[in-house]
Amino acid sequence: MIVRRAQQRDFPGFLSLAAEVEHWFGPMVDEPGFHSAVERHIRRSTALVAVSPEAEAVARAGLLGGMLFDRRTPVQHIDWLVVSAHARGRGVGRALVAEAVRRFVQAPGALEVVTFGADHPGAVASGGRVFYERLGFSPAEAREPGPEGGSRQVYRRTVS
């Protein structure tokens, strides 16, 4: 697997990833705001993608995973992280987070992500909460429900 900065040619891949998780996160694929966010992160070099070496060799847009990162300090944010259903459980999410930490995270401070609340149907099905806990994040305060109405919670990791 190759983790690299996203390029404009990866935009369709972000939309494909978004389509896989709209049932958990709400509409994205047809939302101009989501399109703008992805394009802004690509321009700022704060979007990362994971691709297979084979896909990279032929410049194919199929992504194993993608991430949008906000590197403002002292609290830095994983704005969006999705791993394709066919690639889950293979270390793609872990590799994306590791690369973001290597490239972007500055100490001292904190790294945050908003994920599903404990009662959200996606909390178990996606494995998101367990994933972040295994990476050293701890549950913190609740957030406003997502656009689909499901609960959300901040997960935080201290950076020192």
Protein backbone atom coordinates (compact mmCIF):
# COMPACT_ATOMS: atom_id res chain seq x y z
CA MET A 1 0.00 0.00 0.00
CA ILE A 2 1.11 3.54 -0.79
CA VAL A 3 -0.02 6.51 1.31
CA ARG A 4 0.53 9.87 -0.36
CA ARG A 5 -0.84 13.36 -0.67
CA ALA A 6 -4.03 13.45 -2.68
CA GLN A 7 -4.02 14.92 -6.16
CA GLN A 8 -6.86 16.33 -8.23
CA ARG A 9 -7.11 13.01 -10.09
CA ASP A 10 -8.13 11.41 -6.77
CA PHE A 11 -11.32 13.49 -6.47
CA PRO A 12 -13.57 10.77 -8.03
CA GLY A 13 -12.08 8.30 -5.56
CA PHE A 14 -13.12 10.50 -2.63
CA LEU A 15 -16.67 10.54 -4.03
CA SER A 16 -16.63 6.74 -4.31
CA LEU A 17 -15.51 6.43 -0.69
CA ALA A 18 -18.18 8.92 0.40
CA ALA A 19 -20.86 6.89 -1.41
CA GLU A 20 -19.93 3.86 0.69
CA VAL A 21 -20.61 5.64 3.99
CA GLU A 22 -23.46 8.06 3.31
CA HIS A 23 -25.85 5.76 5.19
CA TRP A 24 -23.77 6.49 8.33
CA PHE A 25 -22.73 10.11 7.76
CA GLY A 26 -25.47 11.60 5.63
CA PRO A 27 -25.32 13.01 2.08
CA MET A 28 -21.92 13.88 0.64
CA VAL A 29 -21.60 12.73 -2.98
CA ASP A 30 -24.02 15.32 -4.36
CA GLU A 31 -23.26 18.00 -1.77
CA PRO A 32 -21.34 21.06 -3.07
CA GLY A 33 -19.98 21.65 0.45
CA PHE A 34 -18.33 18.24 0.51
CA HIS A 35 -16.89 18.78 -2.97
CA SER A 36 -15.47 22.14 -1.86
CA ALA A 37 -13.96 20.64 1.28
CA VAL A 38 -12.21 17.86 -0.65
CA GLU A 39 -10.91 20.27 -3.28
CA ARG A 40 -9.72 22.73 -0.60
CA HIS A 41 -7.85 19.98 1.26
CA ILE A 42 -6.26 18.77 -1.97
CA ARG A 43 -5.09 22.31 -2.81
CA ARG A 44 -3.68 22.77 0.71
CA SER A 45 -1.96 19.36 0.59
CA THR A 46 -3.89 18.24 3.68
CA ALA A 47 -5.69 15.38 1.95
CA LEU A 48 -4.10 11.93 2.02
CA VAL A 49 -4.98 8.79 0.10
CA ALA A 50 -4.06 5.14 0.36
CA VAL A 51 -3.75 3.28 -2.93
CA SER A 52 -2.60 -0.13 -4.01
CA PRO A 53 0.75 -0.16 -5.84
CA GLU A 54 -1.01 -1.67 -8.87
CA ALA A 55 -3.58 1.15 -9.06
CA GLU A 56 -0.85 3.75 -8.57
CA ALA A 57 1.21 2.28 -11.40
CA VAL A 58 -1.62 2.81 -13.89
CA ALA A 59 -2.88 6.08 -12.33
CA ARG A 60 -6.26 4.53 -11.57
CA ALA A 61 -8.51 6.51 -9.23
CA GLY A 62 -9.68 3.60 -7.05
CA LEU A 63 -8.74 4.45 -3.46
CA LEU A 64 -8.31 2.11 -0.53
CA GLY A 65 -8.90 5.04 1.80
CA GLY A 66 -8.84 8.79 2.11
CA MET A 67 -8.38 11.42 4.79
CA LEU A 68 -8.94 15.16 5.15
CA PHE A 69 -6.82 16.78 7.87
CA ASP A 70 -6.90 20.17 9.62
CA ARG A 71 -3.48 21.04 10.99
CA ARG A 72 -4.36 24.16 12.97
CA THR A 73 -2.71 24.06 16.38
CA PRO A 74 -2.90 23.42 19.27
CA VAL A 75 -5.89 21.16 18.48
CA GLN A 76 -5.46 19.39 15.16
CA HIS A 77 -8.31 17.47 13.55
CA ILE A 78 -8.95 14.47 11.40
CA ASP A 79 -11.83 16.03 9.49
CA TRP A 80 -12.77 12.92 7.51
CA LEU A 81 -11.37 9.39 7.30
CA VAL A 82 -12.93 6.58 5.26
CA VAL A 83 -11.56 3.20 4.28
CA SER A 84 -13.22 1.33 1.43
CA ALA A 85 -15.31 -1.63 2.58
CA HIS A 86 -13.12 -4.08 0.64
CA ALA A 87 -9.97 -2.76 2.36
CA ARG A 88 -11.15 -2.56 5.99
CA GLY A 89 -9.19 -4.56 8.51
CA ARG A 90 -6.01 -4.43 6.41
CA GLY A 91 -4.25 -1.51 8.15
CA VAL A 92 -5.32 1.20 5.70
CA GLY A 93 -6.85 3.50 8.33
CA ARG A 94 -3.88 2.99 10.66
CA ALA A 95 -1.48 3.85 7.81
CA LEU A 96 -3.42 7.02 6.94
CA VAL A 97 -3.40 8.20 10.57
CA ALA A 98 0.31 7.38 10.96
CA GLU A 99 1.16 9.35 7.82
CA ALA A 100 -0.96 12.31 8.95
CA VAL A 101 0.79 12.32 12.33
CA ARG A 102 4.18 12.15 10.61
CA ARG A 103 3.40 14.94 8.14
CA PHE A 104 1.14 17.30 10.01
CA VAL A 105 0.92 16.88 13.78
CA GLN A 106 2.83 19.32 15.94
CA ALA A 107 3.40 19.03 19.68
CA PRO A 108 2.31 20.08 22.20
CA GLY A 109 -1.39 19.87 21.70
CA ALA A 110 -4.09 17.40 20.85
CA LEU A 111 -5.36 15.43 17.89
CA GLU A 112 -9.14 15.11 17.63
CA VAL A 113 -11.68 13.35 15.51
CA VAL A 114 -15.46 13.30 15.69
CA THR A 115 -16.88 9.82 15.29
CA PHE A 116 -20.06 7.95 16.11
CA GLY A 117 -21.64 8.14 19.54
CA ALA A 118 -21.91 4.85 21.40
CA ASP A 119 -25.59 4.47 20.48
CA HIS A 120 -25.14 5.12 16.73
CA PRO A 121 -25.72 2.02 14.53
CA GLY A 122 -22.44 2.75 12.73
CA ALA A 123 -20.45 2.68 15.98
CA VAL A 124 -20.19 -1.10 15.91
CA ALA A 125 -20.64 -1.77 12.20
CA SER A 126 -17.88 0.63 11.16
CA GLY A 127 -15.53 -0.22 14.00
CA GLY A 128 -14.72 3.50 14.23
CA ARG A 129 -14.73 3.85 18.00
CA VAL A 130 -12.60 0.74 18.57
CA PHE A 131 -10.27 1.84 15.75
CA TYR A 132 -9.55 5.20 17.38
CA GLU A 133 -9.19 3.68 20.85
CA ARG A 134 -6.56 1.26 19.51
CA LEU A 135 -4.66 4.30 18.18
CA GLY A 136 -4.56 5.90 21.63
CA PHE A 137 -7.60 8.18 21.35
CA SER A 138 -10.01 8.48 24.29
CA PRO A 139 -13.70 9.32 24.20
CA ALA A 140 -14.40 12.93 25.15
CA GLU A 141 -17.44 15.22 24.94
CA ALA A 142 -20.53 14.62 22.84
CA ARG A 143 -21.12 16.65 19.68
CA GLU A 144 -24.21 17.72 17.77
CA PRO A 145 -25.90 14.85 15.91
CA GLY A 146 -24.85 14.24 12.32
CA PRO A 147 -26.99 15.20 9.33
CA GLU A 148 -28.62 11.77 9.36
CA GLY A 149 -29.60 12.32 13.03
CA GLY A 150 -27.12 9.92 14.61
CA SER A 151 -25.12 10.76 17.72
CA ARG A 152 -21.51 11.95 17.51
CA GLN A 153 -18.61 12.04 19.96
CA VAL A 154 -15.18 13.63 20.04
CA TYR A 155 -12.21 11.30 20.42
CA ARG A 156 -8.97 12.96 21.55
CA ARG A 157 -5.31 12.01 21.77
CA THR A 158 -2.70 14.14 23.52
CA VAL A 159 0.31 15.07 21.44
CA SER A 160 3.50 15.74 23.40
